[in-house]
Amino acid sequence: MNELSHRLAPPPAEREPVARPRMTRGGIFGALDVGTTKVACLIGRAESDQTLRVLGFGWQRGQGVRGGGITDIEAAEKAIRAAVAQAEDMADHHLSRITVNLTCGQPQSRLFHVQWPIGGRAVTANDLRQIAREGQHRARAEGREVIHCMPIDFAADETEGVRDPSGLHCDQLTARLHLLDAAQGPLRNLEAAIGRTELTVADYVCAPYAAGLATLVEDERELGATVIDMGGGTTSLALFSEGHLIHTAQLPIGGVRVTADLAQGLSTSLANAERLKTLYGNLQSSPDDDLEMLPVPLVGEEEHQYQRVPRSMLVSIIRPRLEEIFELLRDRLEHAGLGPAAEARVVLTGGASQLIGVRELAARVLNRQVRLGRPLGIRGLPEAATGPSFATATGLLAYAAGDGRSLTHLENDPKSSPGVLDRILSFLRLHS
């Protein structure tokens, strides 16, 4: 899907909320959103008032990527290199490290309960480090790479719901950890494609989590919200509750599948199907749809050979696929066993969320309040990047600048990176 040219759905009637700035790091940062249909790069910095300002922006059509995974490393490298070069030229800054979205490797959410003996003494920083390492070890034992390790809460003996156990005396400390991991092979391929552009991956960030950082206000993070990121190759969700990311899930279906459905159903090329979707795509039928006839070039026919089809035919092809996506997401939420947290309002992001009528369809299928999410609280963002399709890219930049850094992935050896523990402890203090 060409997100830049996609017609936006009408904005919601309610006033768009404004996010509270949470930037905690200085310097200049880079973010790279590598997707099936686009590659976007943002360069920015945190201002003195803790807001985020974009300095450079680059965008290229996606190449060599399908469903978030690399299928052609040379083509992916070319697209990444071009997007980064555009952003660097605009920002007049050369990047060496970059924060990257994660959709490849079949990312999975796992909840672990780790019990750690304390023996009546006070809980120390080393105890928290060992608990984090234990959770990481369990995931790696299954051949998975840990992307995020997020402490949700602790229990000090019989005292549950502890946010920060530092300094508490107890016999046993129990931690509830949310780990997000992914298969190692696809991650290595993505890292290799980025490495060929002379960039180093600073962090991988779960794509719907990044989208949530860009679009959710503080009350939504705390009271609960489900972010659904509708990309070209995948559709993923991130569930926030009490300031935590508590669950993620991903479907290998996105806007590209809708385009393919149109191409097949109308016997036209993928390029023409994309154009028709962009110009006339709609999920809300009306009496006029049967009267409005659209010219559709036939695939394989000579130039200027068209058939004319009613607009209602586009609706009849697009709507079932989007219904299927939301029904699958609804099932994922119901089977996750998250209770009331899974019933929170929904925020839609991603290029495929801009089809007219998607918000209403999602509200009906999911039986929840739904709003369209756009990047909030960020300055200097080009007009072309202010829509839902660039929520992940702006969220990556916010993460690089400190928002959500406490919910970070763990390095292989925490002893060699004291910043990891500092960020975990920072998270505990922030939410205590």
Protein backbone atom coordinates (compact mmCIF):
# COMPACT_ATOMS: atom_id res chain seq x y z
CA MET A 1 0.00 0.00 0.00
CA ASN A 2 1.26 3.46 -0.82
CA GLU A 3 0.60 5.03 2.57
CA LEU A 4 1.71 8.51 1.50
CA SER A 5 -0.88 8.79 -1.23
CA HIS A 6 -3.67 6.89 0.54
CA ARG A 7 -6.80 8.91 1.06
CA LEU A 8 -7.33 9.61 4.74
CA ALA A 9 -10.56 8.70 6.46
CA PRO A 10 -12.46 11.64 7.94
CA PRO A 11 -10.95 12.68 11.29
CA PRO A 12 -12.88 11.68 14.41
CA ALA A 13 -15.35 14.17 15.75
CA GLU A 14 -13.72 14.37 19.18
CA ARG A 15 -10.68 16.54 19.72
CA GLU A 16 -7.41 14.66 19.30
CA PRO A 17 -5.68 14.24 22.71
CA VAL A 18 -2.16 15.52 23.25
CA ALA A 19 0.48 13.21 24.68
CA ARG A 20 2.61 14.17 27.66
CA PRO A 21 6.29 14.36 26.69
CA ARG A 22 8.46 11.65 28.28
CA MET A 23 11.86 12.21 26.64
CA THR A 24 14.77 11.45 28.97
CA ARG A 25 17.88 11.32 26.78
CA GLY A 26 19.91 13.98 25.04
CA GLY A 27 21.61 13.91 21.66
CA ILE A 28 20.48 13.10 18.14
CA PHE A 29 18.74 9.79 17.36
CA GLY A 30 17.73 7.83 14.29
CA ALA A 31 14.72 5.58 13.72
CA LEU A 32 14.15 3.14 10.86
CA ASP A 33 10.79 1.59 10.01
CA VAL A 34 11.43 -1.29 7.59
CA GLY A 35 8.16 -2.56 6.14
CA THR A 36 6.75 -4.44 3.20
CA THR A 37 5.43 -1.34 1.44
CA LYS A 38 7.71 1.41 2.72
CA VAL A 39 10.99 2.17 4.45
CA ALA A 40 10.95 5.34 6.56
CA CYS A 41 13.80 7.00 8.43
CA LEU A 42 13.49 9.78 10.99
CA ILE A 43 16.28 11.72 12.69
CA GLY A 44 15.45 13.82 15.72
CA ARG A 45 16.47 15.11 19.11
CA ALA A 46 14.85 15.79 22.48
CA GLU A 47 14.44 19.51 23.19
CA SER A 48 15.09 21.20 26.53
CA ASP A 49 11.35 21.17 27.30
CA GLN A 50 11.35 17.36 26.87
CA THR A 51 9.51 17.46 23.56
CA LEU A 52 10.78 15.67 20.47
CA ARG A 53 11.78 17.50 17.29
CA VAL A 54 12.28 15.87 13.90
CA LEU A 55 15.39 17.07 12.06
CA GLY A 56 15.36 14.77 9.04
CA PHE A 57 12.91 12.55 7.18
CA GLY A 58 13.39 9.99 4.41
CA TRP A 59 10.94 7.68 2.69
CA GLN A 60 11.22 4.97 0.02
CA ARG A 61 8.94 2.31 -1.36
CA GLY A 62 9.56 -1.02 0.32
CA GLN A 63 11.75 -3.52 -1.49
CA GLY A 64 12.98 -6.99 -0.57
CA VAL A 65 10.67 -7.34 2.44
CA ARG A 66 7.60 -9.52 2.87
CA GLY A 67 5.65 -9.92 6.08
CA GLY A 68 8.39 -8.02 7.91
CA GLY A 69 11.12 -10.48 6.86
CA ILE A 70 13.93 -9.94 4.38
CA THR A 71 13.39 -11.76 1.06
CA ASP A 72 15.99 -9.91 -1.05
CA ILE A 73 18.87 -8.50 0.97
CA GLU A 74 20.26 -6.36 -1.87
CA ALA A 75 16.90 -4.77 -2.65
CA ALA A 76 16.24 -4.15 1.06
CA GLU A 77 19.68 -2.59 1.45
CA LYS A 78 19.01 -0.26 -1.48
CA ALA A 79 15.71 0.99 -0.02
CA ILE A 80 17.18 1.38 3.48
CA ARG A 81 20.24 3.22 2.20
CA ALA A 82 18.14 5.65 0.15
CA ALA A 83 15.71 6.45 3.00
CA VAL A 84 18.54 6.99 5.48
CA ALA A 85 20.46 9.19 3.02
CA GLN A 86 17.40 11.41 2.52
CA ALA A 87 16.98 11.87 6.26
CA GLU A 88 20.71 12.51 6.80
CA ASP A 89 20.79 15.14 4.07
CA MET A 90 17.83 16.96 5.58
CA ALA A 91 19.20 16.77 9.12
CA ASP A 92 22.81 17.44 8.07
CA HIS A 93 23.81 14.63 10.41
CA HIS A 94 25.43 11.24 9.75
CA LEU A 95 23.97 8.28 11.65
CA SER A 96 25.99 5.36 12.96
CA ARG A 97 23.36 3.68 15.17
CA ILE A 98 19.64 3.38 14.60
CA THR A 99 16.52 2.07 16.37
CA VAL A 100 14.59 -0.41 14.21
CA ASN A 101 11.05 -1.80 14.23
CA LEU A 102 10.47 -5.53 14.74
CA THR A 103 7.86 -7.44 12.75
CA CYS A 104 9.96 -10.38 11.54
CA GLY A 105 10.76 -13.63 13.32
CA GLN A 106 7.19 -14.35 14.49
CA PRO A 107 7.46 -12.24 17.66
CA GLN A 108 5.70 -13.77 20.65
CA SER A 109 4.67 -12.53 24.09
CA ARG A 110 5.50 -14.70 27.08
CA LEU A 111 4.75 -14.22 30.77
CA PHE A 112 7.26 -15.67 33.23
CA HIS A 113 7.11 -15.93 37.01
CA VAL A 114 10.62 -15.99 38.43
CA GLN A 115 11.19 -16.80 42.11
CA TRP A 116 14.45 -15.65 43.65
CA PRO A 117 15.65 -16.47 47.21
CA ILE A 118 16.51 -13.41 49.30
CA GLY A 119 16.89 -15.06 52.74
CA GLY A 120 15.52 -12.25 54.88
CA ARG A 121 17.94 -9.54 53.70
CA ALA A 122 17.12 -6.44 51.66
CA VAL A 123 16.58 -6.78 47.91
CA THR A 124 19.57 -5.46 45.97
CA ALA A 125 20.24 -4.37 42.40
CA ASN A 126 22.06 -7.64 41.79
CA ASP A 127 18.91 -9.60 42.71
CA LEU A 128 16.95 -7.74 40.05
CA ARG A 129 19.72 -8.35 37.55
CA GLN A 130 19.69 -12.09 38.26
CA ILE A 131 15.90 -12.26 37.92
CA ALA A 132 16.10 -10.54 34.53
CA ARG A 133 18.86 -12.90 33.39
CA GLU A 134 16.81 -15.92 34.45
CA GLY A 135 13.84 -14.77 32.36
CA GLN A 136 16.11 -14.18 29.40
CA HIS A 137 17.72 -17.61 29.79
CA ARG A 138 14.35 -19.37 29.67
CA ALA A 139 13.48 -17.77 26.31
CA ARG A 140 16.89 -18.43 24.79
CA ALA A 141 16.71 -22.08 25.80
CA GLU A 142 14.05 -22.40 23.09
CA GLY A 143 16.23 -20.80 20.41
CA ARG A 144 14.54 -17.41 20.59
CA GLU A 145 16.09 -13.96 20.79
CA VAL A 146 14.84 -11.69 23.61
CA ILE A 147 13.73 -8.30 22.33
CA HIS A 148 12.03 -6.84 25.41
CA CYS A 149 12.14 -7.93 29.05
CA MET A 150 9.53 -5.96 30.98
CA PRO A 151 9.03 -6.28 34.75
CA ILE A 152 5.30 -5.96 35.41
CA ASP A 153 5.26 -6.34 39.19
CA PHE A 154 6.83 -8.22 42.11
CA ALA A 155 5.75 -10.06 45.24
CA ALA A 156 7.89 -9.83 48.38
CA ASP A 157 6.84 -12.97 50.28
CA GLU A 158 3.06 -12.57 50.71
CA THR A 159 3.00 -8.88 49.73
CA GLU A 160 1.87 -8.68 46.12
CA GLY A 161 1.65 -5.81 43.66
CA VAL A 162 5.06 -4.35 44.50
CA ARG A 163 6.32 -1.98 41.80
CA ASP A 164 9.84 -1.44 43.13
CA PRO A 165 11.18 -4.08 45.56
CA SER A 166 14.55 -2.38 46.07
CA GLY A 167 15.46 -2.28 49.76
CA LEU A 168 12.56 -4.46 50.92
CA HIS A 169 13.36 -7.35 53.28
CA CYS A 170 11.85 -10.72 52.41
CA ASP A 171 12.64 -14.42 52.22
CA GLN A 172 11.62 -14.80 48.56
CA LEU A 173 11.08 -12.32 45.75
CA THR A 174 8.75 -13.31 42.91
CA ALA A 175 8.81 -11.34 39.67
CA ARG A 176 6.21 -11.30 36.91
CA LEU A 177 8.06 -10.63 33.65
CA HIS A 178 6.72 -10.00 30.17
CA LEU A 179 9.22 -11.17 27.58
CA LEU A 180 8.88 -10.58 23.87
CA ASP A 181 11.11 -12.76 21.74
CA ALA A 182 11.60 -13.65 18.08
CA ALA A 183 13.28 -16.29 15.94
CA GLN A 184 16.98 -15.61 15.51
CA GLY A 185 17.32 -16.25 11.76
CA PRO A 186 15.01 -13.47 10.47
CA LEU A 187 16.56 -11.04 12.95
CA ARG A 188 20.03 -11.82 11.64
CA ASN A 189 18.85 -11.22 8.06
CA LEU A 190 17.37 -7.84 8.96
CA GLU A 191 20.50 -6.91 10.87
CA ALA A 192 22.63 -7.94 7.88
CA ALA A 193 20.63 -5.77 5.48
CA ILE A 194 20.99 -2.78 7.79
CA GLY A 195 24.67 -3.54 8.42
CA ARG A 196 25.38 -3.33 4.68
CA THR A 197 24.44 0.36 4.90
CA GLU A 198 27.16 0.86 7.57
CA LEU A 199 24.59 1.26 10.32
CA THR A 200 24.48 -0.57 13.66
CA VAL A 201 21.19 -1.57 15.25
CA ALA A 202 20.95 0.19 18.60
CA ASP A 203 17.64 -1.44 19.58
CA TYR A 204 14.85 -3.48 18.11
CA VAL A 205 11.39 -2.33 19.18
CA CYS A 206 8.15 -4.25 18.73
CA ALA A 207 6.30 -2.34 15.99
CA PRO A 208 2.86 -1.97 17.68
CA TYR A 209 4.60 -0.98 20.92
CA ALA A 210 6.39 1.81 19.04
CA ALA A 211 3.08 2.84 17.47
CA GLY A 212 1.58 3.01 20.96
CA LEU A 213 4.38 5.26 22.21
CA ALA A 214 3.58 7.66 19.37
CA THR A 215 -0.21 7.69 19.59
CA LEU A 216 -1.39 6.92 23.14
CA VAL A 217 -1.94 9.57 25.77
CA GLU A 218 -0.86 8.91 29.34
CA ASP A 219 -4.35 7.96 30.54
CA GLU A 220 -4.67 5.37 27.78
CA ARG A 221 -1.36 3.78 28.74
CA GLU A 222 -2.44 3.64 32.36
CA LEU A 223 -6.16 2.77 32.08
CA GLY A 224 -5.64 0.41 29.15
CA ALA A 225 -5.67 0.49 25.37
CA THR A 226 -5.05 -1.89 22.50
CA VAL A 227 -3.01 -0.51 19.62
CA ILE A 228 -3.61 -2.23 16.27
CA ASP A 229 -0.94 -1.45 13.70
CA MET A 230 -2.25 -2.25 10.22
CA GLY A 231 0.79 -2.41 7.97
CA GLY A 232 1.31 -3.55 4.42
CA GLY A 233 2.57 -7.05 5.20
CA THR A 234 1.44 -7.65 8.78
CA THR A 235 -1.21 -6.56 11.27
CA SER A 236 -0.06 -6.52 14.88
CA LEU A 237 -1.43 -5.46 18.24
CA ALA A 238 0.00 -4.24 21.53
CA LEU A 239 -2.02 -4.21 24.73
CA PHE A 240 -1.16 -1.56 27.33
CA SER A 241 -2.37 -1.60 30.93
CA GLU A 242 -1.20 0.22 34.08
CA GLY A 243 1.63 1.80 32.13
CA HIS A 244 2.94 -1.56 30.89
CA LEU A 245 2.99 -3.39 27.60
CA ILE A 246 1.44 -6.68 28.71
CA HIS A 247 0.74 -8.53 25.46
CA THR A 248 1.48 -8.49 21.73
CA ALA A 249 0.29 -10.56 18.78
CA GLN A 250 0.81 -10.49 15.02
CA LEU A 251 -1.00 -11.68 11.90
CA PRO A 252 0.77 -12.25 8.54
CA ILE A 253 -1.97 -10.26 6.79
CA GLY A 254 -1.95 -6.59 5.84
CA GLY A 255 -2.86 -4.05 3.21
CA VAL A 256 -0.93 -5.94 0.53
CA ARG A 257 -3.37 -8.84 0.88
CA VAL A 258 -6.28 -6.48 0.26
CA THR A 259 -4.57 -5.23 -2.90
CA ALA A 260 -4.02 -8.82 -4.06
CA ASP A 261 -7.70 -9.62 -3.43
CA LEU A 262 -8.72 -6.70 -5.63
CA ALA A 263 -6.28 -7.68 -8.38
CA GLN A 264 -7.61 -11.22 -8.43
CA GLY A 265 -11.27 -10.31 -8.12
CA LEU A 266 -11.13 -7.63 -10.84
CA SER A 267 -8.62 -9.39 -13.16
CA THR A 268 -6.32 -6.41 -13.10
CA SER A 269 -2.69 -5.78 -12.20
CA LEU A 270 -1.44 -5.20 -8.66
CA ALA A 271 -0.52 -1.62 -9.56
CA ASN A 272 -4.02 -0.89 -10.84
CA ALA A 273 -5.57 -2.63 -7.84
CA GLU A 274 -3.51 -0.43 -5.51
CA ARG A 275 -4.63 2.67 -7.39
CA LEU A 276 -8.28 1.65 -7.19
CA LYS A 277 -7.96 0.93 -3.48
CA THR A 278 -6.30 4.28 -2.87
CA LEU A 279 -8.80 6.32 -4.87
CA TYR A 280 -12.05 4.44 -4.30
CA GLY A 281 -11.49 1.99 -1.45
CA ASN A 282 -14.30 2.04 1.07
CA LEU A 283 -15.86 -0.29 3.61
CA GLN A 284 -19.15 1.58 3.89
CA SER A 285 -21.64 0.76 1.17
CA SER A 286 -24.17 3.27 -0.14
CA PRO A 287 -26.99 3.17 -2.73
CA ASP A 288 -24.81 5.16 -5.15
CA ASP A 289 -22.12 2.44 -5.20
CA ASP A 290 -24.10 0.39 -7.71
CA LEU A 291 -24.47 3.40 -10.01
CA GLU A 292 -20.86 4.63 -9.99
CA MET A 293 -18.96 2.67 -12.65
CA LEU A 294 -15.16 2.51 -12.47
CA PRO A 295 -12.81 1.77 -15.38
CA VAL A 296 -10.58 -1.23 -14.60
CA PRO A 297 -7.71 -2.16 -16.99
CA LEU A 298 -7.64 -5.90 -17.65
CA VAL A 299 -4.43 -7.74 -16.88
CA GLY A 300 -2.67 -9.14 -19.95
CA GLU A 301 -4.90 -7.25 -22.40
CA GLU A 302 -3.72 -4.64 -24.86
CA GLU A 303 -3.43 -1.05 -23.72
CA HIS A 304 -6.71 0.81 -23.27
CA GLN A 305 -8.69 -2.44 -22.81
CA TYR A 306 -10.99 -1.77 -19.88
CA GLN A 307 -13.92 -3.29 -18.13
CA ARG A 308 -16.31 -1.15 -16.12
CA VAL A 309 -17.36 -2.38 -12.68
CA PRO A 310 -19.59 -0.78 -10.03
CA ARG A 311 -17.90 0.69 -7.01
CA SER A 312 -19.93 -1.68 -4.87
CA MET A 313 -17.76 -4.49 -6.23
CA LEU A 314 -14.69 -2.95 -4.57
CA VAL A 315 -16.56 -2.77 -1.25
CA SER A 316 -17.63 -6.42 -1.59
CA ILE A 317 -13.98 -7.48 -2.05
CA ILE A 318 -12.29 -5.23 0.53
CA ARG A 319 -14.77 -5.56 3.39
CA PRO A 320 -14.58 -9.36 3.92
CA ARG A 321 -10.78 -9.29 4.17
CA LEU A 322 -10.82 -6.51 6.77
CA GLU A 323 -13.57 -8.30 8.68
CA GLU A 324 -11.41 -11.41 8.72
CA ILE A 325 -8.45 -9.46 10.11
CA PHE A 326 -10.47 -7.95 12.95
CA GLU A 327 -12.13 -11.28 13.75
CA LEU A 328 -8.72 -12.94 14.01
CA LEU A 329 -7.49 -10.14 16.27
CA ARG A 330 -10.60 -10.47 18.42
CA ASP A 331 -9.91 -14.20 18.80
CA ARG A 332 -6.29 -13.53 19.73
CA LEU A 333 -7.37 -11.14 22.46
CA GLU A 334 -10.02 -13.52 23.81
CA HIS A 335 -7.63 -16.49 23.90
CA ALA A 336 -4.84 -14.50 25.56
CA GLY A 337 -6.61 -14.76 28.91
CA LEU A 338 -6.03 -11.12 29.82
CA GLY A 339 -9.45 -10.48 31.36
CA PRO A 340 -10.77 -6.90 31.52
CA ALA A 341 -7.48 -5.53 30.14
CA ALA A 342 -8.37 -6.98 26.73
CA GLU A 343 -11.63 -5.02 26.68
CA ALA A 344 -10.00 -1.58 26.62
CA ARG A 345 -10.49 0.91 23.81
CA VAL A 346 -8.70 0.39 20.51
CA VAL A 347 -6.38 2.78 18.67
CA LEU A 348 -5.82 2.03 14.97
CA THR A 349 -2.56 2.95 13.25
CA GLY A 350 -0.78 1.97 10.05
CA GLY A 351 -1.45 2.66 6.39
CA ALA A 352 -4.29 0.15 6.05
CA SER A 353 -6.20 1.88 8.87
CA GLN A 354 -6.82 4.86 6.58
CA LEU A 355 -9.42 3.13 4.41
CA ILE A 356 -12.74 4.88 4.90
CA GLY A 357 -14.97 2.86 7.21
CA VAL A 358 -12.21 0.87 8.93
CA ARG A 359 -12.84 2.55 12.26
CA GLU A 360 -16.54 1.74 12.20
CA LEU A 361 -15.92 -1.86 11.11
CA ALA A 362 -13.35 -2.38 13.88
CA ALA A 363 -15.76 -1.00 16.48
CA ARG A 364 -18.48 -3.41 15.34
CA VAL A 365 -16.33 -6.55 15.15
CA LEU A 366 -14.28 -5.89 18.28
CA ASN A 367 -17.20 -4.38 20.23
CA ARG A 368 -14.96 -1.65 21.62
CA GLN A 369 -14.46 2.09 21.34
CA VAL A 370 -12.11 2.80 18.44
CA ARG A 371 -10.19 5.88 17.40
CA LEU A 372 -7.63 6.56 14.69
CA GLY A 373 -4.14 7.16 16.09
CA ARG A 374 -1.76 9.77 14.70
CA PRO A 375 1.67 10.78 16.06
CA LEU A 376 1.28 13.11 19.05
CA GLY A 377 3.57 15.57 20.78
CA ILE A 378 6.28 15.72 18.11
CA ARG A 379 7.58 18.86 16.40
CA GLY A 380 8.93 19.36 12.92
CA LEU A 381 7.25 16.28 11.47
CA PRO A 382 6.66 16.73 7.72
CA GLU A 383 3.02 16.94 6.70
CA ALA A 384 3.39 13.72 4.71
CA ALA A 385 4.37 11.85 7.89
CA THR A 386 1.66 13.08 10.25
CA GLY A 387 -0.81 10.29 9.49
CA PRO A 388 -1.33 6.85 11.05
CA SER A 389 1.04 5.16 8.58
CA PHE A 390 4.03 6.84 10.24
CA ALA A 391 3.06 6.12 13.84
CA THR A 392 5.62 3.31 14.15
CA ALA A 393 8.48 5.46 12.80
CA THR A 394 7.74 8.33 15.18
CA GLY A 395 7.33 5.91 18.08
CA LEU A 396 10.75 4.43 17.32
CA LEU A 397 12.24 7.90 17.48
CA ALA A 398 10.48 8.56 20.79
CA TYR A 399 11.83 5.28 22.16
CA ALA A 400 15.35 6.19 21.08
CA ALA A 401 14.97 9.52 22.90
CA GLY A 402 13.93 7.82 26.13
CA ASP A 403 10.18 7.23 26.05
CA GLY A 404 9.63 3.63 27.13
CA ARG A 405 13.35 2.98 27.51
CA SER A 406 12.71 1.32 30.84
CA LEU A 407 10.85 -1.41 28.99
CA THR A 408 13.92 -2.35 27.03
CA HIS A 409 15.48 -5.51 25.68
CA LEU A 410 18.35 -7.08 27.58
CA GLU A 411 21.84 -7.41 26.20
CA ASN A 412 23.61 -10.77 26.20
CA ASP A 413 25.69 -9.90 29.22
CA PRO A 414 24.11 -7.40 31.62
CA LYS A 415 27.42 -7.03 33.46
CA SER A 416 28.94 -5.40 30.42
CA SER A 417 26.09 -2.91 30.09
CA PRO A 418 25.16 -1.22 33.39
CA GLY A 419 22.69 0.97 31.52
CA VAL A 420 20.32 -1.98 31.19
CA LEU A 421 19.90 -2.32 34.93
CA ASP A 422 19.68 1.45 35.29
CA ARG A 423 16.78 1.50 32.83
CA ILE A 424 14.97 -1.32 34.63
CA LEU A 425 15.39 0.44 37.97
CA SER A 426 14.29 3.69 36.34
CA PHE A 427 11.13 1.93 35.19
CA LEU A 428 10.43 0.65 38.69
CA ARG A 429 10.89 4.10 40.21
CA LEU A 430 8.76 5.74 37.51
CA HIS A 431 5.79 3.46 38.13
CA SER A 432 6.06 3.11 41.89
